[in-house]
Amino acid sequence: MAVLKQNEEFDADSIQEKVVGIASDMVLHDSGFHFHTTKAQLLYAPSGCMTVTTSDRQLILPPFRMLWIPSNEVHRVNFRNIVAYRSIYFDERYAAKYTNTGLRVLHVNPLLKEIIERICFWEWSALKEDQAHLLKVFWDEVQKAPEEKLELKMPQDSRFKKIAESWTLRHSTPPMLKELAEKTEAVEKTISRIFKKETGLSYQDWRQQWRLQRSIELLVEGNSIGEVSHILDFSSDSAFIEFFKKHTGSTPLQYLMKNQELSR
């Protein structure tokens, strides 16, 4: 069994096989914070976009990125639109023979995409000879995959926990500094100091990085440039395009086309 229904319960740690793949088309999913004690996990979606939050950072996974999650790493997976969810769980002792790194976002090339898809539809059983051969190719590609650096450190201060969760769930967007000070009843200088200490960025820069991540999500989900510009409160479409190009080196459409080509 590999295909799961939307609300079907699944416990990777309870399965003894070295490699367990699952596939599901899901929508409006929130896994809640959790971790796997005996399994490392590879998380990927060939269509749609996922948001992953750990104890201290936020990452996004469009179709040209995958996430390696070591065992015992606390994480939470959210998405709002339809996502082709793919996840592979590896026995931690088996995975340690090939990789012993922490949380990493990696680029997905066409070969990795096809291998992941195949593994996710394997039966949960002892590995056959052809599967073992394919896994050798898989590990070779994972070890060579370029690492992506677009992640966002999250504030840990209790004054921002509740509102930061609202941002993670996309119920609201980070406001301008003055408005955030009014909402949290914190002094602007205090907010700036806390964000710099806990995230490495000033609040203004942190907000821009959040908007960049969210804009990639929205574009992958099929929203137009005009819709993204409106949702993220840019003054105009051209202002959004200029912002996006400043941070990625490409216009929104160039960025999507370039990454989609690399993943084909």
Protein backbone atom coordinates (compact mmCIF):
# COMPACT_ATOMS: atom_id res chain seq x y z
CA MET A 1 0.00 0.00 0.00
CA ALA A 2 1.36 3.43 -0.94
CA VAL A 3 -1.58 5.68 -1.83
CA LEU A 4 -3.20 7.38 1.18
CA LYS A 5 -6.54 9.14 1.43
CA GLN A 6 -6.77 12.73 2.68
CA ASN A 7 -7.51 11.96 6.35
CA GLU A 8 -6.04 8.49 6.62
CA GLU A 9 -3.79 8.03 9.65
CA PHE A 10 -0.19 7.03 9.05
CA ASP A 11 2.65 6.26 11.46
CA ALA A 12 5.99 5.85 9.69
CA ASP A 13 7.77 4.70 12.85
CA SER A 14 5.47 1.69 13.16
CA ILE A 15 6.60 0.25 9.80
CA GLN A 16 9.71 -1.92 9.82
CA GLU A 17 10.79 -1.70 6.17
CA LYS A 18 13.95 0.28 5.33
CA VAL A 19 12.15 2.37 2.70
CA VAL A 20 8.48 3.39 2.83
CA GLY A 21 6.92 5.66 0.20
CA ILE A 22 3.50 7.29 0.25
CA ALA A 23 1.56 9.34 -2.28
CA SER A 24 -1.63 11.33 -1.91
CA ASP A 25 -3.45 14.23 -3.53
CA MET A 26 -4.47 16.43 -0.62
CA VAL A 27 -5.84 19.90 0.06
CA LEU A 28 -5.99 22.15 3.14
CA HIS A 29 -3.58 20.03 5.14
CA ASP A 30 -1.96 20.81 8.49
CA SER A 31 0.14 18.01 9.96
CA GLY A 32 0.73 19.80 13.25
CA PHE A 33 4.17 19.75 14.86
CA HIS A 34 5.55 16.21 15.04
CA PHE A 35 8.73 14.17 14.54
CA HIS A 36 9.74 10.65 13.57
CA THR A 37 11.93 8.78 16.04
CA THR A 38 13.30 6.04 13.77
CA LYS A 39 12.80 7.43 10.28
CA ALA A 40 14.39 10.15 8.17
CA GLN A 41 12.00 11.68 5.64
CA LEU A 42 12.18 13.08 2.13
CA LEU A 43 9.30 15.43 1.39
CA TYR A 44 8.35 16.49 -2.15
CA ALA A 45 5.38 17.64 -4.25
CA PRO A 46 5.51 17.38 -8.07
CA SER A 47 2.62 19.85 -8.19
CA GLY A 48 1.41 22.42 -5.68
CA CYS A 49 3.44 24.06 -2.93
CA MET A 50 4.03 23.14 0.72
CA THR A 51 5.09 25.26 3.69
CA VAL A 52 7.25 23.50 6.27
CA THR A 53 7.86 25.01 9.70
CA THR A 54 10.44 23.64 12.12
CA SER A 55 11.22 24.74 15.66
CA ASP A 56 13.04 27.81 14.37
CA ARG A 57 12.53 28.31 10.63
CA GLN A 58 10.10 28.31 7.73
CA LEU A 59 10.73 26.77 4.32
CA ILE A 60 8.68 26.47 1.14
CA LEU A 61 8.67 23.53 -1.24
CA PRO A 62 7.53 24.32 -4.78
CA PRO A 63 7.72 21.47 -7.34
CA PHE A 64 11.42 22.02 -8.02
CA ARG A 65 12.48 21.55 -4.38
CA MET A 66 12.49 18.69 -1.89
CA LEU A 67 13.24 18.62 1.81
CA TRP A 68 15.44 16.16 3.68
CA ILE A 69 14.22 15.83 7.28
CA PRO A 70 16.44 13.86 9.70
CA SER A 71 14.87 11.69 12.40
CA ASN A 72 13.75 13.54 15.56
CA GLU A 73 13.50 16.87 13.69
CA VAL A 74 10.31 18.63 14.83
CA HIS A 75 8.37 19.90 11.80
CA ARG A 76 4.93 20.91 10.58
CA VAL A 77 3.62 20.69 7.02
CA ASN A 78 0.92 23.05 5.73
CA PHE A 79 -0.70 23.65 2.40
CA ARG A 80 -3.92 25.28 1.29
CA ASN A 81 -4.48 24.26 -2.32
CA ILE A 82 -4.33 20.83 -3.97
CA VAL A 83 -0.89 19.27 -3.58
CA ALA A 84 0.48 16.03 -5.04
CA TYR A 85 2.04 14.95 -1.76
CA ARG A 86 5.01 12.58 -1.95
CA SER A 87 6.95 11.37 1.08
CA ILE A 88 9.61 8.71 1.51
CA TYR A 89 10.66 7.46 4.93
CA PHE A 90 14.03 5.80 5.43
CA ASP A 91 15.15 3.75 8.41
CA GLU A 92 17.60 6.11 10.12
CA ARG A 93 20.39 3.50 10.30
CA TYR A 94 20.00 2.72 6.61
CA ALA A 95 19.90 6.41 5.62
CA ALA A 96 23.00 7.19 7.73
CA LYS A 97 25.07 5.05 5.34
CA TYR A 98 24.38 7.55 2.57
CA THR A 99 23.78 10.89 4.23
CA ASN A 100 24.25 12.20 7.75
CA THR A 101 23.24 15.83 7.34
CA GLY A 102 20.66 18.00 9.01
CA LEU A 103 17.59 19.64 7.51
CA ARG A 104 18.26 20.51 3.86
CA VAL A 105 16.27 21.86 0.91
CA LEU A 106 17.55 20.34 -2.33
CA HIS A 107 16.86 20.95 -5.99
CA VAL A 108 14.94 18.21 -7.80
CA ASN A 109 16.20 17.29 -11.27
CA PRO A 110 14.18 15.21 -13.76
CA LEU A 111 15.84 11.92 -12.77
CA LEU A 112 15.21 12.44 -9.05
CA LYS A 113 11.63 13.41 -9.79
CA GLU A 114 10.99 10.13 -11.61
CA ILE A 115 12.77 8.01 -8.99
CA ILE A 116 10.84 9.62 -6.14
CA GLU A 117 7.59 9.02 -7.99
CA ARG A 118 8.42 5.36 -8.47
CA ILE A 119 9.48 4.77 -4.86
CA CYS A 120 6.31 6.39 -3.55
CA PHE A 121 4.22 3.72 -5.28
CA TRP A 122 6.25 0.70 -4.18
CA GLU A 123 4.60 -1.91 -1.99
CA TRP A 124 5.73 -1.83 1.64
CA SER A 125 7.88 -4.94 1.63
CA ALA A 126 11.49 -6.10 1.60
CA LEU A 127 13.52 -4.49 -1.18
CA LYS A 128 13.74 -6.39 -4.44
CA GLU A 129 16.97 -6.46 -6.46
CA ASP A 130 15.81 -3.91 -9.04
CA GLN A 131 14.61 -1.59 -6.25
CA ALA A 132 17.99 -1.79 -4.53
CA HIS A 133 19.68 -0.84 -7.81
CA LEU A 134 17.35 2.13 -8.25
CA LEU A 135 18.06 3.30 -4.71
CA LYS A 136 21.77 3.42 -5.51
CA VAL A 137 21.00 5.88 -8.30
CA PHE A 138 18.69 7.79 -5.97
CA TRP A 139 21.36 8.26 -3.30
CA ASP A 140 23.91 9.30 -5.89
CA GLU A 141 21.54 11.99 -7.19
CA VAL A 142 20.65 13.18 -3.68
CA GLN A 143 24.32 13.57 -2.79
CA LYS A 144 24.90 15.67 -5.92
CA ALA A 145 21.71 17.76 -5.68
CA PRO A 146 22.35 21.50 -5.22
CA GLU A 147 21.19 22.89 -1.90
CA GLU A 148 18.65 25.72 -1.92
CA LYS A 149 19.05 28.49 0.64
CA LEU A 150 15.65 30.20 0.65
CA GLU A 151 14.61 29.75 4.28
CA LEU A 152 13.37 32.10 6.92
CA LYS A 153 14.30 32.06 10.61
CA MET A 154 11.21 32.49 12.78
CA PRO A 155 11.03 34.71 15.89
CA GLN A 156 10.91 32.81 19.18
CA ASP A 157 9.85 35.63 21.49
CA SER A 158 6.51 34.87 23.16
CA ARG A 159 5.10 38.24 22.13
CA PHE A 160 5.20 37.18 18.47
CA LYS A 161 4.31 33.47 18.69
CA LYS A 162 0.58 33.82 18.11
CA ILE A 163 0.79 36.32 15.28
CA ALA A 164 3.68 34.42 13.68
CA GLU A 165 1.49 31.30 13.57
CA SER A 166 -1.17 33.35 11.79
CA TRP A 167 1.47 34.26 9.20
CA THR A 168 2.57 30.62 8.89
CA LEU A 169 -1.02 29.49 8.30
CA ARG A 170 -1.44 32.36 5.81
CA HIS A 171 -4.36 33.81 7.74
CA SER A 172 -2.62 37.18 7.63
CA THR A 173 0.53 38.82 6.30
CA PRO A 174 3.29 40.54 8.30
CA PRO A 175 2.34 44.24 8.44
CA MET A 176 4.56 47.28 8.40
CA LEU A 177 6.63 47.78 11.56
CA LYS A 178 4.41 50.54 12.95
CA GLU A 179 1.28 48.39 12.62
CA LEU A 180 3.00 45.39 14.22
CA ALA A 181 4.00 47.57 17.17
CA GLU A 182 0.37 48.60 17.62
CA LYS A 183 -0.89 45.01 17.41
CA THR A 184 1.64 43.60 19.85
CA GLU A 185 1.91 46.67 22.08
CA ALA A 186 5.68 46.50 21.72
CA VAL A 187 7.97 49.43 20.97
CA GLU A 188 9.28 49.53 17.40
CA LYS A 189 12.89 49.53 18.59
CA THR A 190 12.20 46.49 20.75
CA ILE A 191 10.69 44.61 17.80
CA SER A 192 13.67 45.49 15.62
CA ARG A 193 16.12 44.38 18.31
CA ILE A 194 14.33 41.05 18.87
CA PHE A 195 14.07 40.21 15.17
CA LYS A 196 17.72 41.04 14.59
CA LYS A 197 18.77 38.86 17.51
CA GLU A 198 16.49 35.89 16.75
CA THR A 199 16.38 35.87 12.94
CA GLY A 200 19.53 37.71 11.89
CA LEU A 201 17.42 40.24 9.98
CA SER A 202 15.81 43.55 10.78
CA TYR A 203 12.03 43.29 10.88
CA GLN A 204 11.74 45.15 7.58
CA ASP A 205 14.15 42.75 5.86
CA TRP A 206 12.50 39.75 7.48
CA ARG A 207 9.09 40.90 6.22
CA GLN A 208 10.46 41.20 2.70
CA GLN A 209 11.84 37.67 2.83
CA TRP A 210 8.47 36.40 4.06
CA ARG A 211 6.76 38.16 1.16
CA LEU A 212 9.24 36.62 -1.27
CA GLN A 213 8.52 33.10 0.02
CA ARG A 214 4.78 33.73 -0.10
CA SER A 215 4.98 35.16 -3.61
CA ILE A 216 6.67 31.98 -4.88
CA GLU A 217 3.91 29.91 -3.26
CA LEU A 218 1.19 32.03 -4.84
CA LEU A 219 2.79 31.94 -8.28
CA VAL A 220 3.23 28.15 -8.14
CA GLU A 221 -0.43 27.85 -7.13
CA GLY A 222 -1.39 29.58 -10.38
CA ASN A 223 -2.08 33.14 -9.25
CA SER A 224 -1.39 35.92 -11.73
CA ILE A 225 1.18 38.64 -11.13
CA GLY A 226 -1.67 41.06 -10.50
CA GLU A 227 -3.27 38.76 -7.94
CA VAL A 228 0.04 38.20 -6.11
CA SER A 229 0.75 41.92 -6.11
CA HIS A 230 -2.68 42.62 -4.58
CA ILE A 231 -2.50 39.84 -1.94
CA LEU A 232 0.93 41.00 -0.75
CA ASP A 233 0.02 44.70 -0.74
CA PHE A 234 2.44 45.95 -3.38
CA SER A 235 1.66 49.39 -4.76
CA SER A 236 1.57 48.07 -8.33
CA ASP A 237 2.34 45.03 -10.48
CA SER A 238 5.57 46.64 -11.63
CA ALA A 239 6.62 47.23 -8.00
CA PHE A 240 6.14 43.53 -7.28
CA ILE A 241 8.06 42.48 -10.38
CA GLU A 242 10.94 44.79 -9.44
CA PHE A 243 10.95 43.44 -5.86
CA PHE A 244 10.98 39.84 -7.09
CA LYS A 245 13.77 40.48 -9.57
CA LYS A 246 15.87 42.21 -6.92
CA HIS A 247 15.72 39.14 -4.66
CA THR A 248 15.94 36.33 -7.23
CA GLY A 249 17.65 37.87 -10.26
CA SER A 250 14.65 36.97 -12.44
CA THR A 251 11.15 38.23 -13.09
CA PRO A 252 8.41 36.02 -11.62
CA LEU A 253 7.69 34.33 -14.95
CA GLN A 254 11.39 33.85 -15.75
CA TYR A 255 11.91 32.31 -12.31
CA LEU A 256 9.09 29.80 -12.75
CA MET A 257 10.06 28.90 -16.31
CA LYS A 258 13.75 28.45 -15.42
CA ASN A 259 13.04 26.17 -12.47
CA GLN A 260 10.37 24.21 -14.30
CA GLU A 261 12.78 23.60 -17.18
CA LEU A 262 15.45 22.36 -14.77
CA SER A 263 12.92 19.94 -13.30
CA ARG A 264 11.75 18.47 -16.61
